[in-house]
Amino acid sequence: THPGDGTDAYWSSGDTFDNSAGIWPGATLENEAAQNLRQQRAPMTIEQWSNLEPYQQIGDFWVVDHTTGWAYWASLLEPGHASSYLLDAAELTDAIEDTVFNGSYYYGIHVDSQLISPDNSEEFLPGGDSRLEAFLTGIKNNSMNDEGTSNPRYEVDSPPSDFNFDTMLPGRVFTMAGEQYLYLEDMGNGNHMIIRHEAIRNTSFNDQPQVLSNWFSGLDAEIQNMVQPVLIPSPAPAIDFGEVTWTDDILNWLPDNLAGLPAVAGDVTTVNPTGTPQAFALSFADIVRLSTPEGPFPTMWARGNARGTAWWTRTPVVDGTRAWSITAGPPRGRLVQTHSVTLNEGPLGDTLGVRPALIINQPN
């Protein structure tokens, strides 16, 4: 809860509120607001949640199990991140006060806050709604599976043969042959794009080709045999910040003039029989194409969800001294071009690195 006017994002990081005079119940001190995730939806009941489309059911918002009273944040929180506020201060309005008898009134809310490890979320299942187990499993997987639970849970290291990628939704996390991945999209014809869930830390843009090659060489042979050929331009088409105009004036989210930059817009990764089976970095255009409500990056925050790592695209700026990357520091998930190609750590101390992607096709 917080003192405010009841609107989401009322407070910004670094704002202070002085309660030394006891304006609000609680400690009489001055408190500084921390960075909180911006909610995608207003708090809802688990019944309302069940009526959302599967791709909408995991994200940055609260879901209340009305049978037990527990409220659950609908995505995994990374270290250093905090949920949006569930409740604002409760106050009697003048209209209500006019209808009650004279006297003293106090309205209180008792909150029992519990941080749940993904490993012990089943402790909350007894007495809960029948939909709770699927919901909590979806949170851990970072995606709801609308075809049931045929795929292994996100933390279970499994061979490729255990997965049915045709049933995966974008954003699903899974562990395969010793590496944890994020599922990006079904590309048709049995091809699926996936990306390492975490960047390879402390690696620069200039290091990227060698880092990708080394990582691919270290993959299990069964994974390498599934990887499809791609043709990656070197260097990739470049774009400067000043060439970009941003949709709805939301800086560093989505450009609204990419079609007017045909070389950059055309740098989209697809299967190419003339190419080479390899790991690759996503391009500027790939990032934009995957940043949709139905895609793996429905919000800026989701786009930056890479286990606390910032990560490079393959797209440089025109003079070659800097390159485009995705930020880990707040606000997470911005598409920026501020980092030098020799840098392996962000200006806020956030780890910067290479995030390998693959296009795979399972053998029949």
Protein backbone atom coordinates (compact mmCIF):
# COMPACT_ATOMS: atom_id res chain seq x y z
CA THR A 1 0.00 0.00 0.00
CA HIS A 2 1.08 3.62 -0.33
CA PRO A 3 -0.05 7.19 0.29
CA GLY A 4 -1.26 8.59 -2.99
CA ASP A 5 -4.31 9.26 -5.09
CA GLY A 6 -4.97 5.65 -6.05
CA THR A 7 -3.51 5.75 -9.54
CA ASP A 8 -0.90 3.38 -10.91
CA ALA A 9 2.61 4.87 -11.13
CA TYR A 10 1.67 7.71 -8.74
CA TRP A 11 5.22 7.53 -7.36
CA SER A 12 8.45 7.59 -9.33
CA SER A 13 11.82 6.20 -8.30
CA GLY A 14 13.62 8.71 -6.07
CA ASP A 15 10.47 10.55 -4.92
CA THR A 16 10.22 11.01 -1.15
CA PHE A 17 7.25 11.13 1.19
CA ASP A 18 7.57 12.70 4.64
CA ASN A 19 5.40 10.98 7.23
CA SER A 20 7.24 12.40 10.25
CA ALA A 21 4.05 14.19 11.28
CA GLY A 22 2.09 10.92 11.25
CA ILE A 23 -0.20 11.88 8.37
CA TRP A 24 -0.55 8.19 7.57
CA PRO A 25 -0.55 5.21 9.96
CA GLY A 26 2.80 3.49 10.29
CA ALA A 27 6.35 4.66 10.84
CA THR A 28 6.88 8.40 11.27
CA LEU A 29 9.77 8.85 8.87
CA GLU A 30 10.69 10.10 5.43
CA ASN A 31 10.70 7.32 2.86
CA GLU A 32 12.19 7.22 -0.63
CA ALA A 33 10.23 5.45 -3.35
CA ALA A 34 11.97 2.57 -5.12
CA GLN A 35 11.51 1.50 -8.73
CA ASN A 36 8.35 -0.57 -9.05
CA LEU A 37 7.11 -2.45 -12.08
CA ARG A 38 4.36 -0.64 -13.91
CA GLN A 39 1.19 -2.73 -13.86
CA GLN A 40 -0.20 -3.90 -17.20
CA ARG A 41 -3.70 -4.47 -15.82
CA ALA A 42 -5.71 -3.54 -12.77
CA PRO A 43 -5.87 -6.22 -10.03
CA MET A 44 -8.38 -8.94 -10.91
CA THR A 45 -9.88 -12.13 -9.50
CA ILE A 46 -8.67 -15.50 -10.70
CA GLU A 47 -12.07 -15.94 -12.34
CA GLN A 48 -11.50 -12.79 -14.40
CA TRP A 49 -7.96 -13.99 -15.12
CA SER A 50 -9.29 -17.28 -16.54
CA ASN A 51 -11.24 -15.33 -19.17
CA LEU A 52 -8.09 -13.70 -20.58
CA GLU A 53 -6.46 -15.06 -23.71
CA PRO A 54 -3.53 -17.41 -22.86
CA TYR A 55 -0.95 -14.90 -24.09
CA GLN A 56 -2.45 -12.29 -21.72
CA GLN A 57 -2.43 -14.45 -18.58
CA ILE A 58 1.22 -13.93 -17.59
CA GLY A 59 2.48 -10.41 -16.99
CA ASP A 60 2.93 -7.58 -14.54
CA PHE A 61 -0.37 -7.47 -12.64
CA TRP A 62 -2.08 -8.86 -9.54
CA VAL A 63 -4.49 -11.82 -9.48
CA VAL A 64 -6.56 -12.51 -6.35
CA ASP A 65 -7.69 -16.02 -5.44
CA HIS A 66 -11.04 -15.11 -3.90
CA THR A 67 -11.33 -18.50 -2.16
CA THR A 68 -8.32 -17.86 0.10
CA GLY A 69 -7.70 -14.12 -0.17
CA TRP A 70 -4.14 -14.56 -1.44
CA ALA A 71 -3.08 -12.19 -4.22
CA TYR A 72 -0.40 -13.35 -6.66
CA TRP A 73 1.88 -11.31 -8.92
CA ALA A 74 1.41 -12.87 -12.37
CA SER A 75 5.09 -13.14 -13.33
CA LEU A 76 8.41 -14.05 -11.72
CA LEU A 77 10.15 -11.13 -10.04
CA GLU A 78 13.85 -10.75 -10.74
CA PRO A 79 16.26 -9.60 -7.99
CA GLY A 80 16.01 -5.87 -7.40
CA HIS A 81 12.51 -5.55 -8.87
CA ALA A 82 9.29 -4.88 -6.98
CA SER A 83 5.67 -5.40 -7.93
CA SER A 84 3.25 -2.54 -8.43
CA TYR A 85 1.06 -1.66 -5.47
CA LEU A 86 -1.94 -3.89 -4.85
CA LEU A 87 -3.79 -1.54 -2.48
CA ASP A 88 -3.89 2.18 -1.86
CA ALA A 89 -4.95 3.68 1.46
CA ALA A 90 -8.54 2.87 2.42
CA GLU A 91 -10.59 5.88 3.48
CA LEU A 92 -14.24 6.53 4.25
CA THR A 93 -15.69 8.91 1.69
CA ASP A 94 -17.85 11.85 2.72
CA ALA A 95 -20.85 10.10 1.16
CA ILE A 96 -20.41 7.10 3.44
CA GLU A 97 -19.76 9.20 6.54
CA ASP A 98 -23.03 11.05 5.93
CA THR A 99 -24.97 7.78 6.12
CA VAL A 100 -23.56 6.37 9.38
CA PHE A 101 -24.29 7.20 13.01
CA ASN A 102 -22.15 9.56 15.01
CA GLY A 103 -19.11 7.95 16.57
CA SER A 104 -15.56 6.87 15.84
CA TYR A 105 -14.74 4.64 12.91
CA TYR A 106 -11.63 2.83 11.83
CA TYR A 107 -11.17 0.74 8.72
CA GLY A 108 -8.12 -1.49 8.70
CA ILE A 109 -6.55 -3.91 6.25
CA HIS A 110 -4.34 -6.69 7.56
CA VAL A 111 -1.77 -7.75 5.00
CA ASP A 112 0.28 -10.96 5.30
CA SER A 113 3.07 -10.72 2.74
CA GLN A 114 4.88 -13.87 1.62
CA LEU A 115 7.67 -14.13 -0.94
CA ILE A 116 7.29 -17.46 -2.74
CA SER A 117 10.15 -19.39 -4.25
CA PRO A 118 9.10 -21.15 -7.46
CA ASP A 119 10.14 -24.38 -5.75
CA ASN A 120 7.54 -24.14 -2.97
CA SER A 121 4.55 -22.50 -4.63
CA GLU A 122 2.57 -25.73 -4.23
CA GLU A 123 2.27 -24.89 -0.52
CA PHE A 124 -0.40 -22.37 -1.50
CA LEU A 125 -2.55 -24.87 -3.43
CA PRO A 126 -4.56 -26.46 -0.55
CA GLY A 127 -7.90 -24.70 -0.27
CA GLY A 128 -7.21 -22.58 -3.32
CA ASP A 129 -9.21 -22.15 -6.50
CA SER A 130 -9.17 -25.06 -8.96
CA ARG A 131 -7.39 -22.82 -11.51
CA LEU A 132 -4.57 -21.87 -9.15
CA GLU A 133 -2.23 -24.76 -9.96
CA ALA A 134 -2.27 -24.01 -13.70
CA PHE A 135 -1.76 -20.31 -12.94
CA LEU A 136 1.26 -20.85 -10.67
CA THR A 137 2.78 -23.32 -13.16
CA GLY A 138 2.33 -20.73 -15.91
CA ILE A 139 4.13 -18.11 -13.81
CA LYS A 140 7.11 -20.42 -13.37
CA ASN A 141 7.14 -21.26 -17.09
CA ASN A 142 6.65 -17.58 -18.01
CA SER A 143 3.83 -18.67 -20.33
CA MET A 144 0.51 -20.49 -20.26
CA ASN A 145 0.44 -23.62 -22.38
CA ASP A 146 -2.97 -23.76 -24.05
CA GLU A 147 -2.42 -27.34 -25.15
CA GLY A 148 -2.05 -28.73 -21.63
CA THR A 149 1.13 -29.65 -19.79
CA SER A 150 2.91 -31.86 -22.33
CA ASN A 151 6.18 -29.93 -22.09
CA PRO A 152 8.56 -30.25 -19.12
CA ARG A 153 8.45 -27.52 -16.50
CA TYR A 154 10.83 -24.64 -16.97
CA GLU A 155 13.44 -25.88 -14.48
CA VAL A 156 13.54 -29.53 -15.63
CA ASP A 157 16.58 -30.09 -17.83
CA SER A 158 15.29 -32.28 -20.67
CA PRO A 159 16.44 -33.64 -24.04
CA PRO A 160 14.97 -32.14 -27.24
CA SER A 161 12.78 -35.20 -27.77
CA ASP A 162 10.77 -34.33 -24.64
CA PHE A 163 9.52 -31.04 -26.10
CA ASN A 164 6.59 -30.27 -28.35
CA PHE A 165 7.47 -26.81 -29.60
CA ASP A 166 4.27 -26.60 -31.64
CA THR A 167 2.33 -26.19 -28.38
CA MET A 168 4.56 -23.51 -26.86
CA LEU A 169 3.48 -19.91 -26.52
CA PRO A 170 5.94 -17.03 -27.01
CA GLY A 171 7.73 -16.17 -23.79
CA ARG A 172 7.80 -19.76 -22.47
CA VAL A 173 10.96 -20.57 -20.51
CA PHE A 174 12.42 -24.08 -20.79
CA THR A 175 15.67 -25.91 -20.07
CA MET A 176 17.10 -28.14 -22.79
CA ALA A 177 20.38 -30.05 -22.76
CA GLY A 178 21.93 -27.90 -20.07
CA GLU A 179 20.86 -24.47 -21.37
CA GLN A 180 17.83 -22.39 -20.37
CA TYR A 181 15.96 -20.74 -23.25
CA LEU A 182 13.09 -18.39 -23.95
CA TYR A 183 10.73 -19.46 -26.74
CA LEU A 184 10.29 -16.63 -29.25
CA GLU A 185 8.01 -17.78 -32.06
CA ASP A 186 6.69 -20.47 -34.37
CA MET A 187 8.13 -19.58 -37.78
CA GLY A 188 6.16 -22.21 -39.71
CA ASN A 189 7.28 -25.38 -41.49
CA GLY A 190 8.42 -26.85 -38.18
CA ASN A 191 10.88 -24.02 -37.50
CA HIS A 192 11.00 -22.34 -34.10
CA MET A 193 13.06 -19.37 -32.92
CA ILE A 194 14.48 -19.56 -29.40
CA ILE A 195 16.96 -17.43 -27.43
CA ARG A 196 19.19 -18.04 -24.44
CA HIS A 197 17.29 -16.85 -21.37
CA GLU A 198 20.31 -15.00 -20.00
CA ALA A 199 23.00 -13.08 -21.84
CA ILE A 200 26.57 -14.36 -21.73
CA ARG A 201 27.79 -11.84 -19.20
CA ASN A 202 30.52 -9.25 -19.63
CA THR A 203 30.94 -9.60 -23.37
CA SER A 204 31.17 -6.64 -25.75
CA PHE A 205 29.58 -6.00 -29.14
CA ASN A 206 33.00 -6.40 -30.77
CA ASP A 207 33.34 -9.78 -29.04
CA GLN A 208 29.93 -10.90 -30.27
CA PRO A 209 30.86 -12.97 -33.38
CA GLN A 210 33.45 -15.01 -31.49
CA VAL A 211 31.23 -15.40 -28.41
CA LEU A 212 28.37 -16.69 -30.57
CA SER A 213 30.67 -19.12 -32.37
CA ASN A 214 32.18 -20.44 -29.14
CA TRP A 215 28.78 -20.87 -27.51
CA PHE A 216 27.39 -22.73 -30.52
CA SER A 217 30.42 -25.03 -30.61
CA GLY A 218 29.78 -25.95 -26.99
CA LEU A 219 26.16 -27.00 -27.52
CA ASP A 220 25.10 -30.61 -27.27
CA ALA A 221 25.41 -32.33 -30.67
CA GLU A 222 21.70 -33.15 -30.68
CA ILE A 223 20.91 -29.42 -30.43
CA GLN A 224 23.42 -28.48 -33.13
CA ASN A 225 21.82 -30.97 -35.51
CA MET A 226 18.44 -29.22 -35.08
CA VAL A 227 19.75 -25.74 -35.90
CA GLN A 228 18.67 -24.31 -39.24
CA PRO A 229 20.83 -22.24 -41.63
CA VAL A 230 20.59 -18.46 -41.50
CA LEU A 231 22.37 -15.73 -43.45
CA ILE A 232 23.52 -12.95 -41.12
CA PRO A 233 24.87 -9.74 -42.70
CA SER A 234 28.26 -8.55 -41.46
CA PRO A 235 28.11 -5.78 -40.64
CA ALA A 236 24.36 -5.51 -40.15
CA PRO A 237 22.57 -2.44 -41.56
CA ALA A 238 23.16 0.50 -39.21
CA ILE A 239 20.78 3.07 -37.78
CA ASP A 240 21.32 6.22 -35.70
CA PHE A 241 19.07 7.33 -32.85
CA GLY A 242 18.18 10.54 -34.67
CA GLU A 243 16.69 8.55 -37.54
CA VAL A 244 14.09 6.94 -35.27
CA THR A 245 10.74 8.36 -34.24
CA TRP A 246 9.01 6.47 -31.47
CA THR A 247 5.42 5.21 -31.32
CA ASP A 248 3.21 7.36 -29.06
CA ASP A 249 6.35 9.27 -28.02
CA ILE A 250 7.40 6.35 -25.78
CA LEU A 251 11.17 6.60 -26.15
CA ASN A 252 13.13 3.42 -26.81
CA TRP A 253 10.05 1.17 -27.10
CA LEU A 254 8.87 0.82 -30.71
CA PRO A 255 9.80 2.93 -33.74
CA ASP A 256 6.93 4.14 -35.91
CA ASN A 257 9.03 4.86 -39.01
CA LEU A 258 10.91 1.59 -39.52
CA ALA A 259 9.27 1.07 -42.91
CA GLY A 260 11.03 4.24 -44.07
CA LEU A 261 14.40 2.65 -43.28
CA PRO A 262 14.28 -0.31 -45.68
CA ALA A 263 17.79 -1.67 -45.07
CA VAL A 264 17.29 -1.88 -41.31
CA ALA A 265 13.67 -3.06 -41.64
CA GLY A 266 14.77 -5.81 -44.01
CA ASP A 267 17.33 -7.27 -41.61
CA VAL A 268 14.93 -9.92 -40.30
CA THR A 269 16.29 -13.34 -39.38
CA THR A 270 14.72 -16.25 -41.29
CA VAL A 271 15.77 -19.70 -42.43
CA ASN A 272 17.96 -19.39 -45.52
CA PRO A 273 19.20 -22.57 -47.27
CA THR A 274 22.24 -20.68 -48.57
CA GLY A 275 23.27 -19.74 -45.04
CA THR A 276 25.00 -21.56 -42.20
CA PRO A 277 23.54 -23.31 -39.13
CA GLN A 278 24.69 -20.96 -36.39
CA ALA A 279 23.81 -18.91 -33.33
CA PHE A 280 23.01 -15.26 -34.00
CA ALA A 281 22.12 -12.02 -32.24
CA LEU A 282 18.70 -10.53 -32.90
CA SER A 283 18.58 -7.47 -35.11
CA PHE A 284 16.86 -4.14 -34.42
CA ALA A 285 14.07 -5.28 -36.76
CA ASP A 286 13.78 -8.66 -35.02
CA ILE A 287 13.31 -6.93 -31.66
CA VAL A 288 10.58 -4.69 -33.07
CA ARG A 289 8.81 -7.59 -34.79
CA LEU A 290 8.74 -9.63 -31.58
CA SER A 291 7.53 -6.74 -29.38
CA THR A 292 3.77 -7.29 -29.72
CA PRO A 293 0.97 -8.12 -27.26
CA GLU A 294 0.93 -11.72 -28.54
CA GLY A 295 4.71 -12.02 -28.81
CA PRO A 296 7.49 -12.83 -26.35
CA PHE A 297 8.08 -9.13 -25.61
CA PRO A 298 4.59 -7.70 -24.92
CA THR A 299 5.98 -4.91 -22.74
CA MET A 300 9.23 -3.04 -22.33
CA TRP A 301 9.79 -4.79 -19.00
CA ALA A 302 9.23 -8.24 -20.51
CA ARG A 303 11.72 -7.43 -23.26
CA GLY A 304 14.39 -6.76 -20.66
CA ASN A 305 13.67 -9.92 -18.67
CA ALA A 306 16.98 -11.71 -19.21
CA ARG A 307 17.96 -12.66 -15.66
CA GLY A 308 19.24 -9.20 -14.89
CA THR A 309 21.43 -8.89 -17.97
CA ALA A 310 21.46 -6.20 -20.64
CA TRP A 311 22.08 -7.61 -24.11
CA TRP A 312 23.34 -6.62 -27.52
CA THR A 313 21.47 -6.68 -30.80
CA ARG A 314 23.56 -7.10 -33.97
CA THR A 315 22.64 -3.60 -35.21
CA PRO A 316 25.32 -0.87 -34.95
CA VAL A 317 25.01 2.88 -35.27
CA VAL A 318 26.24 4.41 -38.51
CA ASP A 319 29.76 5.40 -37.41
CA GLY A 320 30.37 1.97 -35.87
CA THR A 321 31.42 3.26 -32.43
CA ARG A 322 28.22 2.21 -30.66
CA ALA A 323 25.52 -0.42 -31.11
CA TRP A 324 21.91 -1.02 -30.14
CA SER A 325 21.17 -3.03 -27.01
CA ILE A 326 18.38 -3.87 -24.56
CA THR A 327 18.75 -2.37 -21.08
CA ALA A 328 18.54 -4.16 -17.74
CA GLY A 329 18.51 -1.03 -15.59
CA PRO A 330 15.25 0.85 -14.97
CA PRO A 331 13.22 1.26 -16.99
CA ARG A 332 14.17 -2.22 -18.11
CA GLY A 333 13.85 -3.29 -21.74
CA ARG A 334 14.64 -0.03 -23.53
CA LEU A 335 16.11 -0.27 -27.03
CA VAL A 336 19.11 2.08 -26.81
CA GLN A 337 22.26 2.95 -28.76
CA THR A 338 24.32 4.55 -26.00
CA HIS A 339 26.88 1.81 -25.35
CA SER A 340 30.33 1.68 -26.93
CA VAL A 341 31.05 -1.44 -28.97
CA THR A 342 33.93 -2.21 -26.57
CA LEU A 343 31.79 -1.99 -23.42
CA ASN A 344 30.83 -5.10 -21.45
CA GLU A 345 29.07 -3.39 -18.54
CA GLY A 346 26.25 -0.86 -18.55
CA PRO A 347 26.63 2.62 -17.01
CA LEU A 348 24.53 1.59 -13.98
CA GLY A 349 26.70 -1.45 -13.33
CA ASP A 350 24.23 -3.76 -15.06
CA THR A 351 25.87 -6.69 -16.80
CA LEU A 352 25.99 -6.35 -20.58
CA GLY A 353 26.46 -9.31 -22.85
CA VAL A 354 25.75 -11.40 -25.92
CA ARG A 355 22.41 -13.27 -26.03
CA PRO A 356 22.53 -16.10 -28.60
CA ALA A 357 19.42 -17.04 -30.58
CA LEU A 358 18.75 -20.12 -32.72
CA ILE A 359 16.21 -21.33 -35.26
CA ILE A 360 15.60 -25.03 -34.66
CA ASN A 361 13.60 -27.76 -36.37
CA GLN A 362 12.96 -31.06 -34.62
CA PRO A 363 13.52 -34.24 -36.64
CA ASN A 364 10.39 -36.31 -37.22
